[in-house]
C-alpha atoms as a PDB file:
ATOM      1  CA  UNK A   1     110.711  97.483 105.729  1.00  0.00           C
ATOM      2  CA  UNK A   2     107.375  99.208 106.253  1.00  0.00           C
ATOM      3  CA  UNK A   3     104.163  98.177 104.536  1.00  0.00           C
ATOM      4  CA  UNK A   4     102.039 100.896 102.898  1.00  0.00           C
ATOM      5  CA  UNK A   5      98.319 100.396 103.508  1.00  0.00           C
ATOM      6  CA  UNK A   6      95.511 102.398 101.898  1.00  0.00           C
ATOM      7  CA  UNK A   7      92.276 101.979 103.818  1.00  0.00           C
ATOM      8  CA  UNK A   8      89.085 104.006 103.875  1.00  0.00           C
ATOM      9  CA  UNK A   9      85.382 103.760 104.560  1.00  0.00           C
ATOM     10  CA  UNK A  10      83.534 103.147 101.300  1.00  0.00           C
ATOM     11  CA  UNK A  11      79.907 103.084 100.219  1.00  0.00           C
ATOM     12  CA  UNK A  12      78.471 100.108  98.371  1.00  0.00           C
ATOM     13  CA  UNK A  13      78.734 102.063  95.126  1.00  0.00           C
ATOM     14  CA  UNK A  14      82.433 102.831  95.611  1.00  0.00           C
ATOM     15  CA  UNK A  15      82.540 106.334  97.091  1.00  0.00           C
ATOM     16  CA  UNK A  16      84.297 107.820 100.112  1.00  0.00           C
ATOM     17  CA  UNK A  17      82.738 110.758 101.945  1.00  0.00           C
ATOM     18  CA  UNK A  18      83.327 111.361 105.644  1.00  0.00           C
ATOM     19  CA  UNK A  19      80.353 113.746 105.746  1.00  0.00           C
ATOM     20  CA  UNK A  20      77.830 111.241 104.334  1.00  0.00           C
ATOM     21  CA  UNK A  21      78.524 108.353 106.698  1.00  0.00           C
ATOM     22  CA  UNK A  22      80.888 107.598 109.506  1.00  0.00           C
ATOM     23  CA  UNK A  23      82.062 104.802 111.729  1.00  0.00           C
ATOM     24  CA  UNK A  24      79.901 103.141 114.353  1.00  0.00           C
ATOM     25  CA  UNK A  25      81.273 103.180 117.919  1.00  0.00           C
ATOM     26  CA  UNK A  26      82.738  99.686 117.427  1.00  0.00           C
ATOM     27  CA  UNK A  27      84.385 100.617 114.116  1.00  0.00           C
ATOM     28  CA  UNK A  28      85.707 103.835 115.661  1.00  0.00           C
ATOM     29  CA  UNK A  29      87.365 101.764 118.433  1.00  0.00           C
ATOM     30  CA  UNK A  30      88.874  99.601 115.681  1.00  0.00           C
ATOM     31  CA  UNK A  31      90.327 102.739 114.063  1.00  0.00           C
ATOM     32  CA  UNK A  32      91.745 103.865 117.419  1.00  0.00           C
ATOM     33  CA  UNK A  33      93.629 100.580 117.718  1.00  0.00           C
ATOM     34  CA  UNK A  34      94.792 100.848 114.108  1.00  0.00           C
ATOM     35  CA  UNK A  35      96.119 104.382 114.733  1.00  0.00           C
ATOM     36  CA  UNK A  36      97.904 103.250 117.894  1.00  0.00           C
ATOM     37  CA  UNK A  37      99.687 100.506 115.994  1.00  0.00           C
ATOM     38  CA  UNK A  38     100.706 102.417 112.887  1.00  0.00           C
ATOM     39  CA  UNK A  39     104.270 103.475 112.191  1.00  0.00           C
ATOM     40  CA  UNK A  40     102.873 106.687 110.694  1.00  0.00           C
ATOM     41  CA  UNK A  41     100.560 108.140 108.086  1.00  0.00           C
ATOM     42  CA  UNK A  42     101.067 109.748 104.684  1.00  0.00           C
ATOM     43  CA  UNK A  43      98.384 112.247 103.714  1.00  0.00           C
ATOM     44  CA  UNK A  44      97.395 114.106 100.627  1.00  0.00           C
ATOM     45  CA  UNK A  45      96.773 117.791 101.329  1.00  0.00           C
ATOM     46  CA  UNK A  46      92.969 117.631 101.391  1.00  0.00           C
ATOM     47  CA  UNK A  47      92.835 114.593 103.685  1.00  0.00           C
ATOM     48  CA  UNK A  48      95.443 116.132 105.981  1.00  0.00           C
ATOM     49  CA  UNK A  49      93.394 119.315 106.261  1.00  0.00           C
ATOM     50  CA  UNK A  50      90.372 117.221 107.267  1.00  0.00           C
ATOM     51  CA  UNK A  51      92.402 115.248 109.807  1.00  0.00           C
ATOM     52  CA  UNK A  52      93.870 118.399 111.394  1.00  0.00           C
ATOM     53  CA  UNK A  53      90.582 118.444 113.321  1.00  0.00           C
ATOM     54  CA  UNK A  54      92.280 115.992 115.709  1.00  0.00           C
ATOM     55  CA  UNK A  55      95.098 118.427 116.542  1.00  0.00           C
ATOM     56  CA  UNK A  56      92.889 120.462 118.876  1.00  0.00           C
ATOM     57  CA  UNK A  57      90.844 119.239 121.833  1.00  0.00           C
ATOM     58  CA  UNK A  58      87.092 119.782 121.644  1.00  0.00           C
ATOM     59  CA  UNK A  59      84.943 120.038 124.785  1.00  0.00           C
ATOM     60  CA  UNK A  60      82.206 117.808 123.342  1.00  0.00           C
ATOM     61  CA  UNK A  61      84.579 114.850 122.904  1.00  0.00           C
ATOM     62  CA  UNK A  62      84.088 111.676 124.855  1.00  0.00           C
ATOM     63  CA  UNK A  63      86.676 109.103 125.888  1.00  0.00           C
ATOM     64  CA  UNK A  64      86.882 107.511 122.446  1.00  0.00           C
ATOM     65  CA  UNK A  65      87.484 110.792 120.611  1.00  0.00           C
ATOM     66  CA  UNK A  66      90.198 111.753 123.073  1.00  0.00           C
ATOM     67  CA  UNK A  67      91.814 108.319 122.612  1.00  0.00           C
ATOM     68  CA  UNK A  68      91.819 108.655 118.824  1.00  0.00           C
ATOM     69  CA  UNK A  69      93.207 112.193 119.004  1.00  0.00           C
ATOM     70  CA  UNK A  70      96.043 111.026 121.275  1.00  0.00           C
ATOM     71  CA  UNK A  71      96.919 108.156 118.939  1.00  0.00           C
ATOM     72  CA  UNK A  72      96.775 110.409 115.876  1.00  0.00           C
ATOM     73  CA  UNK A  73      98.867 113.141 117.461  1.00  0.00           C
ATOM     74  CA  UNK A  74     101.465 110.626 118.644  1.00  0.00           C
ATOM     75  CA  UNK A  75     102.258 109.096 115.264  1.00  0.00           C
ATOM     76  CA  UNK A  76     104.531 110.705 112.680  1.00  0.00           C
ATOM     77  CA  UNK A  77     102.779 112.151 109.645  1.00  0.00           C
ATOM     78  CA  UNK A  78     104.006 113.104 106.209  1.00  0.00           C
ATOM     79  CA  UNK A  79     101.960 115.411 104.011  1.00  0.00           C
ATOM     80  CA  UNK A  80     102.272 115.367 100.230  1.00  0.00           C
ATOM     81  CA  UNK A  81     101.589 118.848  98.896  1.00  0.00           C
ATOM     82  CA  UNK A  82     103.033 121.365  96.492  1.00  0.00           C
ATOM     83  CA  UNK A  83     100.877 124.201  97.849  1.00  0.00           C
ATOM     84  CA  UNK A  84     101.405 123.931 101.628  1.00  0.00           C
ATOM     85  CA  UNK A  85     104.492 125.631 103.041  1.00  0.00           C
ATOM     86  CA  UNK A  86     104.183 124.243 106.567  1.00  0.00           C
ATOM     87  CA  UNK A  87     102.374 121.472 108.422  1.00  0.00           C
ATOM     88  CA  UNK A  88     101.314 120.916 112.006  1.00  0.00           C
ATOM     89  CA  UNK A  89     102.851 119.087 114.937  1.00  0.00           C
ATOM     90  CA  UNK A  90     104.640 115.772 114.389  1.00  0.00           C
ATOM     91  CA  UNK A  91     104.329 116.174 110.609  1.00  0.00           C
ATOM     92  CA  UNK A  92     106.730 116.645 107.733  1.00  0.00           C
ATOM     93  CA  UNK A  93     106.159 117.959 104.232  1.00  0.00           C
ATOM     94  CA  UNK A  94     106.826 116.040 101.019  1.00  0.00           C
ATOM     95  CA  UNK A  95     106.733 118.584  98.213  1.00  0.00           C
ATOM     96  CA  UNK A  96     109.146 117.054  95.718  1.00  0.00           C
ATOM     97  CA  UNK A  97     110.160 113.573  94.509  1.00  0.00           C
ATOM     98  CA  UNK A  98     107.131 111.674  95.816  1.00  0.00           C
ATOM     99  CA  UNK A  99     108.470 108.302  94.704  1.00  0.00           C
ATOM    100  CA  UNK A 100     111.886 108.794  96.334  1.00  0.00           C
ATOM    101  CA  UNK A 101     110.400 110.104  99.581  1.00  0.00           C
ATOM    102  CA  UNK A 102     107.944 107.213  99.889  1.00  0.00           C
ATOM    103  CA  UNK A 103     110.577 104.610  99.019  1.00  0.00           C
ATOM    104  CA  UNK A 104     112.796 106.116 101.742  1.00  0.00           C
ATOM    105  CA  UNK A 105     109.914 105.873 104.241  1.00  0.00           C
ATOM    106  CA  UNK A 106     109.316 102.235 103.326  1.00  0.00           C
ATOM    107  CA  UNK A 107     112.962 101.236 103.681  1.00  0.00           C
ATOM    108  CA  UNK A 108     113.673 103.381 106.737  1.00  0.00           C
ATOM    109  CA  UNK A 109     110.738 102.236 108.878  1.00  0.00           C
ATOM    110  CA  UNK A 110     109.062  99.070 110.056  1.00  0.00           C
ATOM    111  CA  UNK A 111     105.370  98.369 110.616  1.00  0.00           C
ATOM    112  CA  UNK A 112     102.379  99.735 108.753  1.00  0.00           C
ATOM    113  CA  UNK A 113     102.233 103.205 107.290  1.00  0.00           C
ATOM    114  CA  UNK A 114      98.748 104.393 106.450  1.00  0.00           C
ATOM    115  CA  UNK A 115      98.124 106.073 103.107  1.00  0.00           C
ATOM    116  CA  UNK A 116      95.224 108.504 103.404  1.00  0.00           C
ATOM    117  CA  UNK A 117      93.366 110.043 100.507  1.00  0.00           C
ATOM    118  CA  UNK A 118      92.237 108.552  97.186  1.00  0.00           C
ATOM    119  CA  UNK A 119      94.192 110.953  94.971  1.00  0.00           C
ATOM    120  CA  UNK A 120      97.438 110.250  96.805  1.00  0.00           C
ATOM    121  CA  UNK A 121      96.643 106.527  96.739  1.00  0.00           C
ATOM    122  CA  UNK A 122      96.184 106.708  92.966  1.00  0.00           C
ATOM    123  CA  UNK A 123      99.634 108.245  92.533  1.00  0.00           C
ATOM    124  CA  UNK A 124     101.237 105.647  94.795  1.00  0.00           C
ATOM    125  CA  UNK A 125      99.314 102.832  93.077  1.00  0.00           C
ATOM    126  CA  UNK A 126     100.637 103.991  89.709  1.00  0.00           C
ATOM    127  CA  UNK A 127     104.159 103.880  91.195  1.00  0.00           C
ATOM    128  CA  UNK A 128     103.548 100.345  92.505  1.00  0.00           C
ATOM    129  CA  UNK A 129     104.172 101.381  96.115  1.00  0.00           C
ATOM    130  CA  UNK A 130     100.957 100.383  97.930  1.00  0.00           C
ATOM    131  CA  UNK A 131     101.234  96.969  99.549  1.00  0.00           C
ATOM    132  CA  UNK A 132      97.669  96.543 100.776  1.00  0.00           C
ATOM    133  CA  UNK A 133      94.208  98.014 100.237  1.00  0.00           C
ATOM    134  CA  UNK A 134      91.584  97.889 103.006  1.00  0.00           C
ATOM    135  CA  UNK A 135      88.041  98.708 102.053  1.00  0.00           C
ATOM    136  CA  UNK A 136      85.675  99.213 104.974  1.00  0.00           C
ATOM    137  CA  UNK A 137      82.424  98.540 103.133  1.00  0.00           C
ATOM    138  CA  UNK A 138      79.336 100.284 104.536  1.00  0.00           C
ATOM    139  CA  UNK A 139      75.711  99.536 103.558  1.00  0.00           C
ATOM    140  CA  UNK A 140      75.228 103.026 102.109  1.00  0.00           C
ATOM    141  CA  UNK A 141      74.622 104.113  98.509  1.00  0.00           C
ATOM    142  CA  UNK A 142      75.752 107.664  97.734  1.00  0.00           C
ATOM    143  CA  UNK A 143      75.247 107.857  93.969  1.00  0.00           C
ATOM    144  CA  UNK A 144      78.142 110.271  93.494  1.00  0.00           C
ATOM    145  CA  UNK A 145      81.211 111.704  95.144  1.00  0.00           C
ATOM    146  CA  UNK A 146      84.886 110.893  95.434  1.00  0.00           C
ATOM    147  CA  UNK A 147      85.593 107.298  94.404  1.00  0.00           C
ATOM    148  CA  UNK A 148      87.803 105.038  96.542  1.00  0.00           C
ATOM    149  CA  UNK A 149      89.897 104.396  93.438  1.00  0.00           C
ATOM    150  CA  UNK A 150      90.622 107.826  91.947  1.00  0.00           C
ATOM    151  CA  UNK A 151      91.956 106.232  88.751  1.00  0.00           C
ATOM    152  CA  UNK A 152      91.616 102.881  87.071  1.00  0.00           C
ATOM    153  CA  UNK A 153      91.269 100.016  89.524  1.00  0.00           C
ATOM    154  CA  UNK A 154      94.547  98.156  89.831  1.00  0.00           C
ATOM    155  CA  UNK A 155      94.555  94.365  89.503  1.00  0.00           C
ATOM    156  CA  UNK A 156      93.998  93.081  93.028  1.00  0.00           C
ATOM    157  CA  UNK A 157      93.742  89.788  94.871  1.00  0.00           C
ATOM    158  CA  UNK A 158      91.484  89.368  97.910  1.00  0.00           C
ATOM    159  CA  UNK A 159      93.507  88.054 100.864  1.00  0.00           C
ATOM    160  CA  UNK A 160      91.088  88.546 103.778  1.00  0.00           C
ATOM    161  CA  UNK A 161      87.601  89.626 104.725  1.00  0.00           C
ATOM    162  CA  UNK A 162      86.137  90.148 108.145  1.00  0.00           C
ATOM    163  CA  UNK A 163      83.143  91.734 109.778  1.00  0.00           C
ATOM    164  CA  UNK A 164      84.161  94.702 111.890  1.00  0.00           C
ATOM    165  CA  UNK A 165      80.709  95.424 113.272  1.00  0.00           C
ATOM    166  CA  UNK A 166      77.137  94.529 112.454  1.00  0.00           C
ATOM    167  CA  UNK A 167      77.072  96.462 109.179  1.00  0.00           C
ATOM    168  CA  UNK A 168      80.695  96.909 108.070  1.00  0.00           C
ATOM    169  CA  UNK A 169      82.904  94.389 106.313  1.00  0.00           C
ATOM    170  CA  UNK A 170      86.626  94.943 105.836  1.00  0.00           C
ATOM    171  CA  UNK A 171      87.942  93.623 102.519  1.00  0.00           C
ATOM    172  CA  UNK A 172      91.729  93.317 102.325  1.00  0.00           C
ATOM    173  CA  UNK A 173      93.421  93.187  98.928  1.00  0.00           C
ATOM    174  CA  UNK A 174      97.009  93.065  97.711  1.00  0.00           C
ATOM    175  CA  UNK A 175      98.273  93.892  94.229  1.00  0.00           C
ATOM    176  CA  UNK A 176      97.848  90.873  91.938  1.00  0.00           C
END
């Protein structure tokens, strides 16, 4: 059975915003390894549209960007959306029965499946389907934006914490 993991970069005041801060080179290498080891990713529409950036090669990319793109392209992806009619390479569309589709993914796969996007994570949290939350805490204060927890914070229990690089700590929680 697969484990569903919701993990994102987060500011000290609880917001996620890929345009306001990003990973250091060491954290980016960590994310490359994570992507290589994942059994797949489930995206909300908005997060998937952001991540589609990795579908096309860009001449300014270095070795690390090419490595992440290869890992991302290689893994299966499922996109939860009622508005999209098609998705890109190595991706499938979930447009109906979110709970049934995700339960099927969990029982039909092994390894970790990434959940990407706070709104999708809220829906899956409410359904009791997320097995682990990983907060990559950055020393940044945004003051506003999209919160990591799109709805009420679920009861959680801290199971691990580790420093990923000089400034980022990963906090790992499971439902309490």
